[in-house]
Protein backbone atom coordinates (compact mmCIF):
# COMPACT_ATOMS: atom_id res chain seq x y z
CA UNK A 1 68.51 2.56 -12.77
CA UNK A 2 65.45 4.25 -14.67
CA UNK A 3 62.29 4.86 -12.91
CA UNK A 4 58.99 3.95 -14.25
CA UNK A 5 58.33 7.74 -15.09
CA UNK A 6 61.54 8.14 -16.90
CA UNK A 7 60.62 5.01 -19.16
CA UNK A 8 57.04 6.58 -19.38
CA UNK A 9 58.43 9.83 -20.25
CA UNK A 10 61.05 8.44 -23.00
CA UNK A 11 58.07 6.25 -24.67
CA UNK A 12 55.70 9.59 -24.63
CA UNK A 13 58.66 11.84 -26.31
CA UNK A 14 59.16 9.01 -29.08
CA UNK A 15 55.72 8.90 -29.76
CA UNK A 16 55.31 12.57 -30.26
CA UNK A 17 58.59 12.20 -32.53
CA UNK A 18 56.68 9.92 -34.53
CA UNK A 19 53.36 12.10 -34.81
CA UNK A 20 55.79 14.98 -35.87
CA UNK A 21 56.93 12.91 -38.81
CA UNK A 22 53.16 11.64 -39.64
CA UNK A 23 50.63 14.48 -38.79
CA UNK A 24 48.08 12.35 -40.21
CA UNK A 25 48.20 10.03 -37.13
CA UNK A 26 47.46 12.57 -34.79
CA UNK A 27 43.72 12.44 -34.74
CA UNK A 28 43.95 8.91 -33.42
CA UNK A 29 46.50 9.81 -30.63
CA UNK A 30 44.37 13.02 -29.92
CA UNK A 31 40.90 10.90 -29.67
CA UNK A 32 42.58 8.50 -27.09
CA UNK A 33 44.11 10.99 -25.00
CA UNK A 34 41.02 12.98 -24.66
CA UNK A 35 38.87 9.56 -23.57
CA UNK A 36 41.74 8.58 -21.35
CA UNK A 37 41.20 11.91 -19.63
CA UNK A 38 37.64 11.89 -19.57
CA UNK A 39 38.02 8.31 -18.20
CA UNK A 40 40.24 9.52 -15.26
CA UNK A 41 38.04 12.79 -14.60
CA UNK A 42 34.85 10.15 -14.13
CA UNK A 43 36.85 7.43 -11.73
CA UNK A 44 37.89 10.82 -9.62
CA UNK A 45 34.16 12.07 -9.38
CA UNK A 46 33.17 8.05 -8.79
CA UNK A 47 35.88 7.99 -5.96
CA UNK A 48 34.49 11.42 -4.50
CA UNK A 49 31.25 10.16 -4.10
CA UNK A 50 32.00 6.69 -2.70
CA UNK A 51 33.73 8.51 -0.35
CA UNK A 52 30.89 10.78 0.89
CA UNK A 53 28.35 7.88 0.75
CA UNK A 54 30.71 5.65 3.21
CA UNK A 55 31.28 8.80 5.20
CA UNK A 56 27.61 9.23 5.60
CA UNK A 57 26.68 5.33 6.18
CA UNK A 58 29.45 5.28 8.97
CA UNK A 59 28.02 8.16 10.89
CA UNK A 60 24.59 6.30 11.13
CA UNK A 61 23.72 5.23 14.84
CA UNK A 62 21.76 2.21 15.22
């Protein structure tokens, strides 16, 4: 039984092989990957900020 990560890894390897055959297609893929990493980083920062705000709000005694 193949796991999700095995399928993802296989697809990534297949995409890399296509890029090796077509070097001109690499710029778009590189841009997409950098953008995706920036989005993930932004979501992580937002999650940290939300966690801190919620913790601070829960600490308020009325």
